[in-house]
Structures are given as C-alpha cells and as structure tokens.
PDB file of N, CA and C in Angstrom:
ATOM      1  N   MET A   1     -16.244 -41.718  35.032  1.00  0.00           N
ATOM      2  CA  MET A   1     -16.016 -41.499  36.408  1.00  0.00           C
ATOM      3  C   MET A   1     -17.328 -41.040  37.091  1.00  0.00           C
ATOM      4  N   ALA A   2     -17.483 -41.504  38.239  1.00  0.00           N
ATOM      5  CA  ALA A   2     -18.753 -41.177  38.949  1.00  0.00           C
ATOM      6  C   ALA A   2     -18.547 -39.637  39.461  1.00  0.00           C
ATOM      7  N   ALA A   3     -19.674 -38.933  39.274  1.00  0.00           N
ATOM      8  CA  ALA A   3     -19.758 -37.457  39.716  1.00  0.00           C
ATOM      9  C   ALA A   3     -20.036 -37.436  41.227  1.00  0.00           C
ATOM     10  N   HIS A   4     -20.325 -38.574  41.914  1.00  0.00           N
ATOM     11  CA  HIS A   4     -20.520 -38.550  43.314  1.00  0.00           C
ATOM     12  C   HIS A   4     -19.955 -39.765  44.002  1.00  0.00           C
ATOM     13  N   ALA A   5     -19.730 -39.751  45.306  1.00  0.00           N
ATOM     14  CA  ALA A   5     -19.187 -40.927  46.012  1.00  0.00           C
ATOM     15  C   ALA A   5     -20.209 -41.938  46.048  1.00  0.00           C
ATOM     16  N   ILE A   6     -19.828 -43.185  45.865  1.00  0.00           N
ATOM     17  CA  ILE A   6     -20.684 -44.390  45.993  1.00  0.00           C
ATOM     18  C   ILE A   6     -20.662 -44.838  47.442  1.00  0.00           C
ATOM     19  N   PRO A   7     -21.981 -44.829  48.023  1.00  0.00           N
ATOM     20  CA  PRO A   7     -22.019 -45.255  49.483  1.00  0.00           C
ATOM     21  C   PRO A   7     -21.823 -46.845  49.579  1.00  0.00           C
ATOM     22  N   TYR A   8     -21.333 -47.250  50.692  1.00  0.00           N
ATOM     23  CA  TYR A   8     -21.219 -48.661  51.037  1.00  0.00           C
ATOM     24  C   TYR A   8     -22.194 -49.029  52.084  1.00  0.00           C
ATOM     25  N   PHE A   9     -22.777 -50.180  52.061  1.00  0.00           N
ATOM     26  CA  PHE A   9     -23.687 -50.615  53.097  1.00  0.00           C
ATOM     27  C   PHE A   9     -23.294 -52.038  53.558  1.00  0.00           C
ATOM     28  N   LYS A  10     -23.536 -52.296  54.843  1.00  0.00           N
ATOM     29  CA  LYS A  10     -23.272 -53.613  55.514  1.00  0.00           C
ATOM     30  C   LYS A  10     -24.580 -54.010  56.188  1.00  0.00           C
ATOM     31  N   ASN A  11     -24.595 -55.419  56.517  1.00  0.00           N
ATOM     32  CA  ASN A  11     -25.885 -55.894  57.133  1.00  0.00           C
ATOM     33  C   ASN A  11     -25.402 -56.789  58.206  1.00  0.00           C
ATOM     34  N   ASP A  12     -24.666 -56.288  59.288  1.00  0.00           N
ATOM     35  CA  ASP A  12     -24.220 -56.988  60.415  1.00  0.00           C
ATOM     36  C   ASP A  12     -25.454 -57.685  61.158  1.00  0.00           C
ATOM     37  N   ALA A  13     -26.566 -57.121  61.158  1.00  0.00           N
ATOM     38  CA  ALA A  13     -27.774 -57.519  61.961  1.00  0.00           C
ATOM     39  C   ALA A  13     -28.480 -58.642  61.206  1.00  0.00           C
ATOM     40  N   GLY A  14     -28.154 -58.973  59.928  1.00  0.00           N
ATOM     41  CA  GLY A  14     -28.818 -59.919  59.176  1.00  0.00           C
ATOM     42  C   GLY A  14     -30.308 -59.617  58.797  1.00  0.00           C
ATOM     43  N   LEU A  15     -30.486 -58.242  58.573  1.00  0.00           N
ATOM     44  CA  LEU A  15     -31.873 -57.790  58.289  1.00  0.00           C
ATOM     45  C   LEU A  15     -32.165 -58.315  56.878  1.00  0.00           C
ATOM     46  N   ALA A  16     -33.542 -58.498  56.683  1.00  0.00           N
ATOM     47  CA  ALA A  16     -33.951 -58.944  55.446  1.00  0.00           C
ATOM     48  C   ALA A  16     -34.059 -57.706  54.385  1.00  0.00           C
ATOM     49  N   ARG A  17     -34.389 -56.579  54.853  1.00  0.00           N
ATOM     50  CA  ARG A  17     -34.486 -55.329  54.020  1.00  0.00           C
ATOM     51  C   ARG A  17     -33.799 -54.178  54.741  1.00  0.00           C
ATOM     52  N   ILE A  18     -33.149 -53.361  53.887  1.00  0.00           N
ATOM     53  CA  ILE A  18     -32.518 -52.113  54.305  1.00  0.00           C
ATOM     54  C   ILE A  18     -33.013 -50.947  53.473  1.00  0.00           C
ATOM     55  N   ARG A  19     -33.550 -49.915  54.018  1.00  0.00           N
ATOM     56  CA  ARG A  19     -33.890 -48.725  53.221  1.00  0.00           C
ATOM     57  C   ARG A  19     -32.707 -47.882  52.964  1.00  0.00           C
ATOM     58  N   ILE A  20     -32.528 -47.441  51.712  1.00  0.00           N
ATOM     59  CA  ILE A  20     -31.294 -46.672  51.459  1.00  0.00           C
ATOM     60  C   ILE A  20     -31.728 -45.442  50.575  1.00  0.00           C
ATOM     61  N   HIS A  21     -30.906 -44.414  50.606  1.00  0.00           N
ATOM     62  CA  HIS A  21     -31.158 -43.247  49.801  1.00  0.00           C
ATOM     63  C   HIS A  21     -30.222 -43.077  48.669  1.00  0.00           C
ATOM     64  N   ALA A  22     -30.041 -44.133  47.972  1.00  0.00           N
ATOM     65  CA  ALA A  22     -29.137 -44.290  46.822  1.00  0.00           C
ATOM     66  C   ALA A  22     -29.612 -45.358  45.818  1.00  0.00           C
ATOM     67  N   ARG A  23     -29.410 -45.189  44.581  1.00  0.00           N
ATOM     68  CA  ARG A  23     -29.752 -46.204  43.632  1.00  0.00           C
ATOM     69  C   ARG A  23     -28.534 -46.954  43.170  1.00  0.00           C
ATOM     70  N   GLU A  24     -27.384 -46.380  43.390  1.00  0.00           N
ATOM     71  CA  GLU A  24     -26.017 -47.039  43.014  1.00  0.00           C
ATOM     72  C   GLU A  24     -25.271 -47.116  44.317  1.00  0.00           C
ATOM     73  N   PHE A  25     -24.755 -48.274  44.754  1.00  0.00           N
ATOM     74  CA  PHE A  25     -24.133 -48.449  45.991  1.00  0.00           C
ATOM     75  C   PHE A  25     -23.252 -49.716  45.919  1.00  0.00           C
ATOM     76  N   MET A  26     -22.495 -49.877  47.052  1.00  0.00           N
ATOM     77  CA  MET A  26     -21.673 -51.148  47.241  1.00  0.00           C
ATOM     78  C   MET A  26     -22.298 -51.791  48.428  1.00  0.00           C
ATOM     79  N   CYS A  27     -22.390 -53.219  48.261  1.00  0.00           N
ATOM     80  CA  CYS A  27     -22.741 -54.122  49.416  1.00  0.00           C
ATOM     81  C   CYS A  27     -21.503 -54.851  49.855  1.00  0.00           C
ATOM     82  N   VAL A  28     -21.243 -54.842  51.130  1.00  0.00           N
ATOM     83  CA  VAL A  28     -20.024 -55.645  51.650  1.00  0.00           C
ATOM     84  C   VAL A  28     -20.504 -56.815  52.424  1.00  0.00           C
ATOM     85  N   GLY A  29     -21.856 -57.026  52.595  1.00  0.00           N
ATOM     86  CA  GLY A  29     -22.300 -58.097  53.444  1.00  0.00           C
ATOM     87  C   GLY A  29     -22.202 -57.743  54.884  1.00  0.00           C
ATOM     88  N   ALA A  30     -21.465 -58.437  55.680  1.00  0.00           N
ATOM     89  CA  ALA A  30     -21.200 -58.035  57.053  1.00  0.00           C
ATOM     90  C   ALA A  30     -19.821 -57.329  57.166  1.00  0.00           C
ATOM     91  N   SER A  31     -19.611 -56.731  58.232  1.00  0.00           N
ATOM     92  CA  SER A  31     -18.324 -56.024  58.454  1.00  0.00           C
ATOM     93  C   SER A  31     -17.092 -57.090  58.333  1.00  0.00           C
ATOM     94  N   PRO A  32     -15.999 -56.652  57.813  1.00  0.00           N
ATOM     95  CA  PRO A  32     -14.843 -57.467  57.788  1.00  0.00           C
ATOM     96  C   PRO A  32     -14.459 -57.913  59.233  1.00  0.00           C
ATOM     97  N   PRO A  33     -14.008 -59.192  59.354  1.00  0.00           N
ATOM     98  CA  PRO A  33     -13.555 -60.095  58.378  1.00  0.00           C
ATOM     99  C   PRO A  33     -14.623 -61.034  57.840  1.00  0.00           C
ATOM    100  N   LEU A  34     -15.884 -60.738  58.140  1.00  0.00           N
ATOM    101  CA  LEU A  34     -17.028 -61.674  57.738  1.00  0.00           C
ATOM    102  C   LEU A  34     -17.719 -61.114  56.460  1.00  0.00           C
ATOM    103  N   ASP A  35     -17.142 -60.183  55.745  1.00  0.00           N
ATOM    104  CA  ASP A  35     -17.706 -59.664  54.534  1.00  0.00           C
ATOM    105  C   ASP A  35     -17.637 -60.618  53.337  1.00  0.00           C
ATOM    106  N   HIS A  36     -18.436 -60.219  52.396  1.00  0.00           N
ATOM    107  CA  HIS A  36     -18.321 -60.966  51.086  1.00  0.00           C
ATOM    108  C   HIS A  36     -17.672 -60.102  50.087  1.00  0.00           C
ATOM    109  N   PRO A  37     -17.339 -60.455  48.870  1.00  0.00           N
ATOM    110  CA  PRO A  37     -16.787 -59.559  47.941  1.00  0.00           C
ATOM    111  C   PRO A  37     -17.532 -58.312  47.724  1.00  0.00           C
ATOM    112  N   HIS A  38     -16.946 -57.132  47.901  1.00  0.00           N
ATOM    113  CA  HIS A  38     -17.618 -55.851  47.826  1.00  0.00           C
ATOM    114  C   HIS A  38     -18.089 -55.593  46.435  1.00  0.00           C
ATOM    115  N   ILE A  39     -19.352 -55.610  46.189  1.00  0.00           N
ATOM    116  CA  ILE A  39     -19.977 -55.578  44.839  1.00  0.00           C
ATOM    117  C   ILE A  39     -20.736 -54.250  44.638  1.00  0.00           C
ATOM    118  N   PHE A  40     -20.640 -53.731  43.379  1.00  0.00           N
ATOM    119  CA  PHE A  40     -21.436 -52.560  42.951  1.00  0.00           C
ATOM    120  C   PHE A  40     -22.885 -53.056  42.593  1.00  0.00           C
ATOM    121  N   ILE A  41     -23.861 -52.316  43.000  1.00  0.00           N
ATOM    122  CA  ILE A  41     -25.284 -52.719  42.610  1.00  0.00           C
ATOM    123  C   ILE A  41     -25.838 -51.378  42.100  1.00  0.00           C
ATOM    124  N   ASP A  42     -26.439 -51.438  40.927  1.00  0.00           N
ATOM    125  CA  ASP A  42     -27.135 -50.304  40.303  1.00  0.00           C
ATOM    126  C   ASP A  42     -28.667 -50.819  40.139  1.00  0.00           C
ATOM    127  N   MET A  43     -29.521 -50.000  40.858  1.00  0.00           N
ATOM    128  CA  MET A  43     -30.982 -50.410  40.817  1.00  0.00           C
ATOM    129  C   MET A  43     -31.545 -49.882  39.501  1.00  0.00           C
ATOM    130  N   GLY A  44     -30.878 -48.944  38.828  1.00  0.00           N
ATOM    131  CA  GLY A  44     -31.594 -48.267  37.685  1.00  0.00           C
ATOM    132  C   GLY A  44     -32.830 -47.631  38.103  1.00  0.00           C
ATOM    133  N   SER A  45     -33.965 -47.792  37.399  1.00  0.00           N
ATOM    134  CA  SER A  45     -35.163 -47.121  37.801  1.00  0.00           C
ATOM    135  C   SER A  45     -35.931 -48.034  38.726  1.00  0.00           C
ATOM    136  N   ASP A  46     -35.529 -49.215  39.172  1.00  0.00           N
ATOM    137  CA  ASP A  46     -36.308 -50.038  40.015  1.00  0.00           C
ATOM    138  C   ASP A  46     -36.279 -49.490  41.491  1.00  0.00           C
ATOM    139  N   ALA A  47     -37.185 -49.891  42.294  1.00  0.00           N
ATOM    140  CA  ALA A  47     -37.318 -49.467  43.676  1.00  0.00           C
ATOM    141  C   ALA A  47     -36.511 -50.318  44.669  1.00  0.00           C
ATOM    142  N   GLU A  48     -36.028 -51.541  44.261  1.00  0.00           N
ATOM    143  CA  GLU A  48     -35.262 -52.390  45.103  1.00  0.00           C
ATOM    144  C   GLU A  48     -34.388 -53.210  44.333  1.00  0.00           C
ATOM    145  N   ALA A  49     -33.292 -53.739  45.027  1.00  0.00           N
ATOM    146  CA  ALA A  49     -32.361 -54.673  44.447  1.00  0.00           C
ATOM    147  C   ALA A  49     -31.986 -55.623  45.509  1.00  0.00           C
ATOM    148  N   ILE A  50     -31.668 -56.893  45.044  1.00  0.00           N
ATOM    149  CA  ILE A  50     -31.210 -57.908  45.979  1.00  0.00           C
ATOM    150  C   ILE A  50     -29.649 -58.170  45.696  1.00  0.00           C
ATOM    151  N   CYS A  51     -28.997 -58.155  46.751  1.00  0.00           N
ATOM    152  CA  CYS A  51     -27.505 -58.513  46.661  1.00  0.00           C
ATOM    153  C   CYS A  51     -27.401 -60.050  46.413  1.00  0.00           C
ATOM    154  N   PRO A  52     -26.729 -60.411  45.278  1.00  0.00           N
ATOM    155  CA  PRO A  52     -26.535 -61.823  44.946  1.00  0.00           C
ATOM    156  C   PRO A  52     -25.711 -62.655  46.064  1.00  0.00           C
ATOM    157  N   TYR A  53     -24.931 -62.050  46.838  1.00  0.00           N
ATOM    158  CA  TYR A  53     -24.209 -62.789  47.802  1.00  0.00           C
ATOM    159  C   TYR A  53     -24.949 -62.993  49.077  1.00  0.00           C
ATOM    160  N   CYS A  54     -25.436 -61.973  49.586  1.00  0.00           N
ATOM    161  CA  CYS A  54     -25.970 -62.072  50.989  1.00  0.00           C
ATOM    162  C   CYS A  54     -27.561 -62.066  51.058  1.00  0.00           C
ATOM    163  N   SER A  55     -28.164 -61.903  49.878  1.00  0.00           N
ATOM    164  CA  SER A  55     -29.571 -61.786  49.705  1.00  0.00           C
ATOM    165  C   SER A  55     -30.281 -60.628  50.417  1.00  0.00           C
ATOM    166  N   THR A  56     -29.558 -59.667  50.889  1.00  0.00           N
ATOM    167  CA  THR A  56     -30.218 -58.460  51.384  1.00  0.00           C
ATOM    168  C   THR A  56     -30.972 -57.728  50.378  1.00  0.00           C
ATOM    169  N   VAL A  57     -32.161 -57.388  50.726  1.00  0.00           N
ATOM    170  CA  VAL A  57     -33.006 -56.602  49.804  1.00  0.00           C
ATOM    171  C   VAL A  57     -32.776 -55.103  50.134  1.00  0.00           C
ATOM    172  N   PHE A  58     -32.321 -54.333  49.295  1.00  0.00           N
ATOM    173  CA  PHE A  58     -32.077 -52.806  49.390  1.00  0.00           C
ATOM    174  C   PHE A  58     -33.275 -52.167  48.814  1.00  0.00           C
ATOM    175  N   VAL A  59     -33.967 -51.310  49.525  1.00  0.00           N
ATOM    176  CA  VAL A  59     -35.120 -50.575  49.065  1.00  0.00           C
ATOM    177  C   VAL A  59     -34.809 -49.096  48.999  1.00  0.00           C
ATOM    178  N   TYR A  60     -35.045 -48.505  47.817  1.00  0.00           N
ATOM    179  CA  TYR A  60     -34.734 -47.149  47.583  1.00  0.00           C
ATOM    180  C   TYR A  60     -35.835 -46.343  48.277  1.00  0.00           C
ATOM    181  N   ASP A  61     -35.415 -45.300  49.041  1.00  0.00           N
ATOM    182  CA  ASP A  61     -36.422 -44.458  49.629  1.00  0.00           C
ATOM    183  C   ASP A  61     -35.958 -43.013  49.612  1.00  0.00           C
ATOM    184  N   ALA A  62     -36.501 -42.192  48.793  1.00  0.00           N
ATOM    185  CA  ALA A  62     -36.059 -40.847  48.512  1.00  0.00           C
ATOM    186  C   ALA A  62     -36.319 -39.938  49.696  1.00  0.00           C
ATOM    187  N   SER A  63     -37.230 -40.405  50.640  1.00  0.00           N
ATOM    188  CA  SER A  63     -37.524 -39.525  51.800  1.00  0.00           C
ATOM    189  C   SER A  63     -36.572 -39.595  52.925  1.00  0.00           C
ATOM    190  N   LEU A  64     -35.603 -40.481  52.785  1.00  0.00           N
ATOM    191  CA  LEU A  64     -34.662 -40.659  53.896  1.00  0.00           C
ATOM    192  C   LEU A  64     -33.804 -39.505  54.058  1.00  0.00           C
ATOM    193  N   LYS A  65     -33.485 -39.031  55.269  1.00  0.00           N
ATOM    194  CA  LYS A  65     -32.656 -37.924  55.597  1.00  0.00           C
ATOM    195  C   LYS A  65     -31.165 -38.363  55.664  1.00  0.00           C
ATOM    196  N   ALA A  66     -30.966 -39.602  56.009  1.00  0.00           N
ATOM    197  CA  ALA A  66     -29.751 -40.268  56.177  1.00  0.00           C
ATOM    198  C   ALA A  66     -29.469 -41.206  54.995  1.00  0.00           C
ATOM    199  N   ALA A  67     -28.278 -41.776  54.882  1.00  0.00           N
ATOM    200  CA  ALA A  67     -28.043 -42.591  53.733  1.00  0.00           C
ATOM    201  C   ALA A  67     -28.669 -44.033  53.808  1.00  0.00           C
ATOM    202  N   ALA A  68     -29.067 -44.425  55.079  1.00  0.00           N
ATOM    203  CA  ALA A  68     -29.735 -45.692  55.291  1.00  0.00           C
ATOM    204  C   ALA A  68     -30.537 -45.715  56.497  1.00  0.00           C
ATOM    205  N   GLU A  69     -31.396 -46.655  56.542  1.00  0.00           N
ATOM    206  CA  GLU A  69     -32.246 -46.828  57.708  1.00  0.00           C
ATOM    207  C   GLU A  69     -32.313 -48.452  57.957  1.00  0.00           C
ATOM    208  N   PRO A  70     -31.672 -48.948  58.998  1.00  0.00           N
ATOM    209  CA  PRO A  70     -31.090 -48.296  60.115  1.00  0.00           C
ATOM    210  C   PRO A  70     -29.721 -47.767  59.784  1.00  0.00           C
ATOM    211  N   ALA A  71     -29.341 -46.641  60.424  1.00  0.00           N
ATOM    212  CA  ALA A  71     -28.089 -45.897  60.108  1.00  0.00           C
ATOM    213  C   ALA A  71     -26.889 -46.737  60.386  1.00  0.00           C
ATOM    214  N   ASP A  72     -26.937 -47.818  61.229  1.00  0.00           N
ATOM    215  CA  ASP A  72     -25.656 -48.630  61.424  1.00  0.00           C
ATOM    216  C   ASP A  72     -25.395 -49.571  60.237  1.00  0.00           C
ATOM    217  N   CYS A  73     -26.218 -49.512  59.253  1.00  0.00           N
ATOM    218  CA  CYS A  73     -25.902 -50.245  58.043  1.00  0.00           C
ATOM    219  C   CYS A  73     -24.938 -49.526  57.086  1.00  0.00           C
ATOM    220  N   ILE A  74     -24.710 -48.264  57.397  1.00  0.00           N
ATOM    221  CA  ILE A  74     -23.656 -47.549  56.572  1.00  0.00           C
ATOM    222  C   ILE A  74     -22.234 -47.994  56.964  1.00  0.00           C
ATOM    223  N   PHE A  75     -21.503 -48.380  55.879  1.00  0.00           N
ATOM    224  CA  PHE A  75     -20.185 -48.888  56.069  1.00  0.00           C
ATOM    225  C   PHE A  75     -19.122 -47.867  55.473  1.00  0.00           C
ATOM    226  N   GLU A  76     -18.145 -47.515  56.358  1.00  0.00           N
ATOM    227  CA  GLU A  76     -17.098 -46.668  55.858  1.00  0.00           C
ATOM    228  C   GLU A  76     -15.918 -47.502  55.435  1.00  0.00           C
ATOM    229  N   PRO A  77     -15.608 -47.567  54.215  1.00  0.00           N
ATOM    230  CA  PRO A  77     -14.530 -48.525  53.809  1.00  0.00           C
ATOM    231  C   PRO A  77     -13.157 -48.274  54.378  1.00  0.00           C
ATOM    232  N   GLY A  78     -12.791 -47.130  54.770  1.00  0.00           N
ATOM    233  CA  GLY A  78     -11.503 -46.846  55.448  1.00  0.00           C
ATOM    234  C   GLY A  78     -11.524 -47.064  56.949  1.00  0.00           C
ATOM    235  N   SER A  79     -12.680 -47.469  57.455  1.00  0.00           N
ATOM    236  CA  SER A  79     -12.810 -47.501  58.928  1.00  0.00           C
ATOM    237  C   SER A  79     -12.088 -48.717  59.622  1.00  0.00           C
ATOM    238  N   ILE A  80     -11.961 -49.801  58.792  1.00  0.00           N
ATOM    239  CA  ILE A  80     -11.330 -51.034  59.310  1.00  0.00           C
ATOM    240  C   ILE A  80      -9.972 -51.272  58.663  1.00  0.00           C
ATOM    241  N   ALA A  81      -9.019 -51.464  59.475  1.00  0.00           N
ATOM    242  CA  ALA A  81      -7.661 -51.699  58.768  1.00  0.00           C
ATOM    243  C   ALA A  81      -7.620 -53.099  58.128  1.00  0.00           C
ATOM    244  N   ALA A  82      -6.938 -53.207  57.125  1.00  0.00           N
ATOM    245  CA  ALA A  82      -6.864 -54.521  56.279  1.00  0.00           C
ATOM    246  C   ALA A  82      -5.817 -55.397  56.964  1.00  0.00           C
TER     247      ALA A  82
END
C-alpha cells in the first residue's frame, strides 16, 4: 500500500510537456468525459515519462512548490460526478 496519496494529472490544454513534483502519478488525459483510461505511471529514477495513451511528456521537477506547472493540470478524481 502506498504511504502517500498518488496525484492525478490532466492535460485539457493539449500541452506537449507538463512539469510535475511526483515520480509516481496517474494520467487521465483530458477531463471527463474526454478522458482516457486512468493509468498509473512510475518514472523510477528517470527525469521524464510519456503517457502511452495521450503522449503527454511528464517532466519531474523537484523545485516545484505546487504539484504541477501549469497548476490547472492537477486533476481531483472526486471533483466530477460519474
């Protein structure tokens, strides 16, 4: 079991790259109902990872004060009713 919450990220703007402050995360693509399957991505020790569904490049940045840059790429899983 994870000792911390796994952050979720979305890419409504269709950005090529999103800087994030996590090496383990979920990508949802765009906000529902335009999302793809919500998948877990683990960068391991790499500095970036590519989502196999939407091709967004996620770049790890330890200097970020927020979870993502731009901040509107943060997705709250309970924020949209199913």
